[in-house]
């Protein structure tokens, strides 16, 4: 395997992101309200981060929940900054 065949974390993240967006759009196209699709993705993410950090039988401590919450907030802030740059300063 050459160095060009090795994917970066950023590339893997983008591939995962695009697959989740494609799945969400498929569910939306089946007639599910986008708010319900969004809620389902958020809930699935919460379950998955608990599994990723705590294992199959684990739970997050209060500190772990605070760290995950802070990570979600940072990511949402980053996304909002990018969106504002793309569309100007429109805020809804």
N, C-alpha and C. Protein backbone atom coordinates (compact mmCIF):
# COMPACT_ATOMS: atom_id res chain seq x y z
N UNK A 1 0.85 -1.17 0.00
CA UNK A 1 0.00 0.00 0.00
C UNK A 1 0.89 1.24 0.00
N UNK A 2 0.66 2.14 -0.92
CA UNK A 2 1.47 3.36 -1.00
C UNK A 2 0.89 4.42 -0.08
N UNK A 3 1.68 5.48 0.15
CA UNK A 3 1.22 6.57 1.00
C UNK A 3 -0.03 7.22 0.44
N UNK A 4 -0.19 7.22 -0.89
CA UNK A 4 -1.37 7.84 -1.49
C UNK A 4 -2.63 7.01 -1.26
N UNK A 5 -2.45 5.72 -0.91
CA UNK A 5 -3.60 4.86 -0.63
C UNK A 5 -4.11 5.00 0.81
N UNK A 6 -3.32 5.62 1.66
CA UNK A 6 -3.69 5.76 3.06
C UNK A 6 -4.58 6.99 3.21
N UNK A 7 -5.76 6.78 3.77
CA UNK A 7 -6.69 7.88 3.96
C UNK A 7 -6.39 8.60 5.28
N UNK A 8 -6.55 9.90 5.23
CA UNK A 8 -6.37 10.68 6.45
C UNK A 8 -7.65 10.60 7.29
N UNK A 9 -7.53 10.96 8.55
CA UNK A 9 -8.71 11.01 9.41
C UNK A 9 -9.75 11.96 8.83
N UNK A 10 -9.29 13.06 8.26
CA UNK A 10 -10.21 14.03 7.66
C UNK A 10 -10.97 13.40 6.49
N UNK A 11 -10.28 12.66 5.64
CA UNK A 11 -10.93 11.99 4.51
C UNK A 11 -11.95 10.97 4.99
N UNK A 12 -11.59 10.19 5.99
CA UNK A 12 -12.51 9.19 6.54
C UNK A 12 -13.72 9.88 7.15
N UNK A 13 -13.48 10.97 7.89
CA UNK A 13 -14.57 11.73 8.48
C UNK A 13 -15.53 12.24 7.41
N UNK A 14 -14.99 12.79 6.34
CA UNK A 14 -15.85 13.29 5.25
C UNK A 14 -16.65 12.17 4.60
N UNK A 15 -16.04 11.01 4.42
CA UNK A 15 -16.77 9.88 3.85
C UNK A 15 -17.91 9.44 4.76
N UNK A 16 -17.64 9.36 6.06
CA UNK A 16 -18.69 9.00 7.01
C UNK A 16 -19.80 10.06 6.99
N UNK A 17 -19.41 11.31 7.04
CA UNK A 17 -20.37 12.41 7.00
C UNK A 17 -21.28 12.30 5.78
N UNK A 18 -20.69 12.10 4.63
CA UNK A 18 -21.48 12.02 3.39
C UNK A 18 -22.40 10.80 3.39
N UNK A 19 -21.96 9.69 3.96
CA UNK A 19 -22.83 8.52 4.03
C UNK A 19 -24.02 8.77 4.95
N UNK A 20 -23.78 9.42 6.08
CA UNK A 20 -24.88 9.75 7.00
C UNK A 20 -25.85 10.73 6.35
N UNK A 21 -25.33 11.72 5.64
CA UNK A 21 -26.20 12.69 4.94
C UNK A 21 -27.02 11.98 3.86
N UNK A 22 -26.37 11.09 3.11
CA UNK A 22 -27.10 10.33 2.09
C UNK A 22 -28.22 9.50 2.71
N UNK A 23 -27.92 8.84 3.82
CA UNK A 23 -28.94 8.04 4.50
C UNK A 23 -30.07 8.93 5.00
N UNK A 24 -29.73 10.05 5.61
CA UNK A 24 -30.75 10.97 6.11
C UNK A 24 -31.63 11.47 4.97
N UNK A 25 -31.02 11.80 3.84
CA UNK A 25 -31.80 12.25 2.69
C UNK A 25 -32.70 11.15 2.15
N UNK A 26 -32.22 9.91 2.17
CA UNK A 26 -33.06 8.79 1.73
C UNK A 26 -34.27 8.63 2.63
N UNK A 27 -34.06 8.75 3.93
CA UNK A 27 -35.17 8.65 4.87
C UNK A 27 -36.15 9.80 4.65
N UNK A 28 -35.62 11.01 4.46
CA UNK A 28 -36.46 12.17 4.18
C UNK A 28 -37.27 11.94 2.90
N UNK A 29 -36.62 11.40 1.89
CA UNK A 29 -37.29 11.15 0.60
C UNK A 29 -38.39 10.09 0.72
N UNK A 30 -38.34 9.29 1.79
CA UNK A 30 -39.40 8.32 2.06
C UNK A 30 -40.60 8.97 2.74
N UNK A 31 -40.49 10.26 3.01
CA UNK A 31 -41.61 10.99 3.59
C UNK A 31 -41.50 11.32 5.06
N UNK A 32 -40.37 11.00 5.68
CA UNK A 32 -40.20 11.32 7.09
C UNK A 32 -39.78 12.79 7.22
N UNK A 33 -40.43 13.49 8.13
CA UNK A 33 -40.14 14.90 8.36
C UNK A 33 -38.66 15.08 8.72
N UNK A 34 -38.04 16.12 8.17
CA UNK A 34 -36.60 16.33 8.39
C UNK A 34 -36.26 16.53 9.87
N UNK A 35 -37.19 17.09 10.64
CA UNK A 35 -36.91 17.24 12.08
C UNK A 35 -36.84 15.88 12.76
N UNK A 36 -37.67 14.94 12.32
CA UNK A 36 -37.61 13.59 12.89
C UNK A 36 -36.34 12.87 12.44
N UNK A 37 -35.95 13.08 11.19
CA UNK A 37 -34.70 12.49 10.70
C UNK A 37 -33.52 13.04 11.52
N UNK A 38 -33.51 14.34 11.73
CA UNK A 38 -32.46 14.97 12.51
C UNK A 38 -32.43 14.43 13.94
N UNK A 39 -33.60 14.31 14.53
CA UNK A 39 -33.67 13.78 15.90
C UNK A 39 -33.16 12.34 15.94
N UNK A 40 -33.51 11.55 14.95
CA UNK A 40 -33.03 10.17 14.89
C UNK A 40 -31.51 10.10 14.78
N UNK A 41 -30.94 10.96 13.94
CA UNK A 41 -29.48 10.99 13.80
C UNK A 41 -28.81 11.41 15.11
N UNK A 42 -29.40 12.42 15.77
CA UNK A 42 -28.84 12.89 17.03
C UNK A 42 -28.91 11.79 18.09
N UNK A 43 -30.03 11.11 18.17
CA UNK A 43 -30.19 10.04 19.14
C UNK A 43 -29.22 8.90 18.85
N UNK A 44 -29.10 8.53 17.58
CA UNK A 44 -28.16 7.47 17.20
C UNK A 44 -26.73 7.88 17.56
N UNK A 45 -26.40 9.14 17.34
CA UNK A 45 -25.07 9.62 17.69
C UNK A 45 -24.82 9.53 19.18
N UNK A 46 -25.83 9.87 19.97
CA UNK A 46 -25.69 9.76 21.42
C UNK A 46 -25.46 8.34 21.87
N UNK A 47 -26.22 7.41 21.30
CA UNK A 47 -26.01 6.00 21.62
C UNK A 47 -24.61 5.55 21.19
N UNK A 48 -24.21 5.98 19.99
CA UNK A 48 -22.94 5.49 19.47
C UNK A 48 -21.75 6.06 20.22
N UNK A 49 -21.82 7.33 20.60
CA UNK A 49 -20.71 7.90 21.36
C UNK A 49 -20.61 7.24 22.73
N UNK A 50 -21.75 6.88 23.32
CA UNK A 50 -21.73 6.16 24.59
C UNK A 50 -21.05 4.81 24.41
N UNK A 51 -21.38 4.11 23.32
CA UNK A 51 -20.74 2.83 23.01
C UNK A 51 -19.24 3.03 22.74
N UNK A 52 -18.90 4.04 21.95
CA UNK A 52 -17.50 4.27 21.57
C UNK A 52 -16.63 4.58 22.79
N UNK A 53 -17.18 5.31 23.73
CA UNK A 53 -16.39 5.70 24.90
C UNK A 53 -16.57 4.76 26.09
N UNK A 54 -17.73 4.12 26.19
CA UNK A 54 -18.01 3.30 27.37
C UNK A 54 -18.09 1.82 27.11
N UNK A 55 -18.05 1.42 25.84
CA UNK A 55 -18.18 0.01 25.52
C UNK A 55 -19.63 -0.43 25.50
N UNK A 56 -19.86 -1.70 25.19
CA UNK A 56 -21.21 -2.24 25.07
C UNK A 56 -22.05 -2.04 26.33
N UNK A 57 -21.44 -2.25 27.47
CA UNK A 57 -22.18 -2.19 28.73
C UNK A 57 -21.91 -0.92 29.52
N UNK A 58 -21.09 -0.04 28.97
CA UNK A 58 -20.68 1.14 29.70
C UNK A 58 -21.65 2.30 29.59
N UNK A 59 -21.45 3.22 30.48
CA UNK A 59 -22.18 4.48 30.47
C UNK A 59 -21.16 5.59 30.61
N UNK A 60 -21.57 6.81 30.29
CA UNK A 60 -20.68 7.94 30.44
C UNK A 60 -20.82 8.52 31.84
N UNK A 61 -19.70 8.89 32.42
CA UNK A 61 -19.73 9.60 33.69
C UNK A 61 -20.23 11.03 33.42
N UNK A 62 -20.50 11.77 34.47
CA UNK A 62 -20.90 13.16 34.28
C UNK A 62 -19.81 13.94 33.54
N UNK A 63 -18.55 13.68 33.87
CA UNK A 63 -17.44 14.34 33.18
C UNK A 63 -17.41 13.92 31.71
N UNK A 64 -17.63 12.64 31.45
CA UNK A 64 -17.68 12.17 30.06
C UNK A 64 -18.79 12.84 29.28
N UNK A 65 -19.96 12.98 29.90
CA UNK A 65 -21.08 13.66 29.23
C UNK A 65 -20.73 15.12 28.97
N UNK A 66 -20.07 15.78 29.93
CA UNK A 66 -19.66 17.17 29.73
C UNK A 66 -18.68 17.29 28.57
N UNK A 67 -17.75 16.33 28.48
CA UNK A 67 -16.75 16.36 27.40
C UNK A 67 -17.41 16.14 26.04
N UNK A 68 -18.36 15.21 25.97
CA UNK A 68 -19.07 14.96 24.71
C UNK A 68 -19.91 16.18 24.33
N UNK A 69 -20.60 16.76 25.32
CA UNK A 69 -21.41 17.95 25.06
C UNK A 69 -20.54 19.08 24.53
N UNK A 70 -19.37 19.28 25.13
CA UNK A 70 -18.46 20.33 24.67
C UNK A 70 -17.97 20.04 23.25
N UNK A 71 -17.70 18.77 22.95
CA UNK A 71 -17.26 18.41 21.60
C UNK A 71 -18.36 18.67 20.58
N UNK A 72 -19.61 18.32 20.90
CA UNK A 72 -20.72 18.61 20.00
C UNK A 72 -20.86 20.12 19.78
N UNK A 73 -20.74 20.88 20.85
CA UNK A 73 -20.86 22.34 20.75
C UNK A 73 -19.77 22.92 19.84
N UNK A 74 -18.52 22.47 20.05
CA UNK A 74 -17.43 22.96 19.21
C UNK A 74 -17.69 22.64 17.74
N UNK A 75 -18.16 21.44 17.47
CA UNK A 75 -18.43 21.04 16.09
C UNK A 75 -19.57 21.86 15.50
N UNK A 76 -20.63 22.06 16.27
CA UNK A 76 -21.74 22.87 15.80
C UNK A 76 -21.31 24.32 15.55
N UNK A 77 -20.48 24.85 16.43
CA UNK A 77 -19.95 26.21 16.22
C UNK A 77 -19.11 26.28 14.95
N UNK A 78 -18.30 25.26 14.70
CA UNK A 78 -17.47 25.22 13.49
C UNK A 78 -18.35 25.17 12.24
N UNK A 79 -19.37 24.32 12.29
CA UNK A 79 -20.29 24.19 11.15
C UNK A 79 -21.02 25.50 10.89
N UNK A 80 -21.50 26.15 11.96
CA UNK A 80 -22.23 27.40 11.80
C UNK A 80 -21.33 28.48 11.22
N UNK A 81 -20.08 28.52 11.64
CA UNK A 81 -19.13 29.49 11.10
C UNK A 81 -18.95 29.26 9.60
N UNK A 82 -18.79 28.00 9.20
CA UNK A 82 -18.64 27.69 7.77
C UNK A 82 -19.89 28.07 6.99
N UNK A 83 -21.07 27.74 7.55
CA UNK A 83 -22.33 28.07 6.86
C UNK A 83 -22.49 29.57 6.71
N UNK A 84 -22.16 30.33 7.75
CA UNK A 84 -22.28 31.79 7.67
C UNK A 84 -21.33 32.35 6.60
N UNK A 85 -20.15 31.78 6.50
CA UNK A 85 -19.21 32.21 5.47
C UNK A 85 -19.75 31.89 4.07
N UNK A 86 -20.48 30.78 3.95
CA UNK A 86 -21.01 30.38 2.65
C UNK A 86 -22.18 31.24 2.22
N UNK A 87 -23.05 31.62 3.16
CA UNK A 87 -24.27 32.34 2.80
C UNK A 87 -24.28 33.79 3.27
N UNK A 88 -23.20 34.28 3.80
CA UNK A 88 -23.19 35.61 4.34
C UNK A 88 -23.58 35.57 5.80
N UNK A 89 -24.07 36.65 6.30
CA UNK A 89 -24.36 36.73 7.74
C UNK A 89 -25.82 36.50 8.06
N UNK A 90 -26.59 35.84 7.19
CA UNK A 90 -27.98 35.50 7.49
C UNK A 90 -28.01 34.56 8.68
N UNK A 91 -28.85 34.87 9.64
CA UNK A 91 -29.01 34.01 10.80
C UNK A 91 -30.50 33.82 11.01
N UNK A 92 -30.90 32.55 11.19
CA UNK A 92 -32.33 32.28 11.42
C UNK A 92 -32.57 31.86 12.83
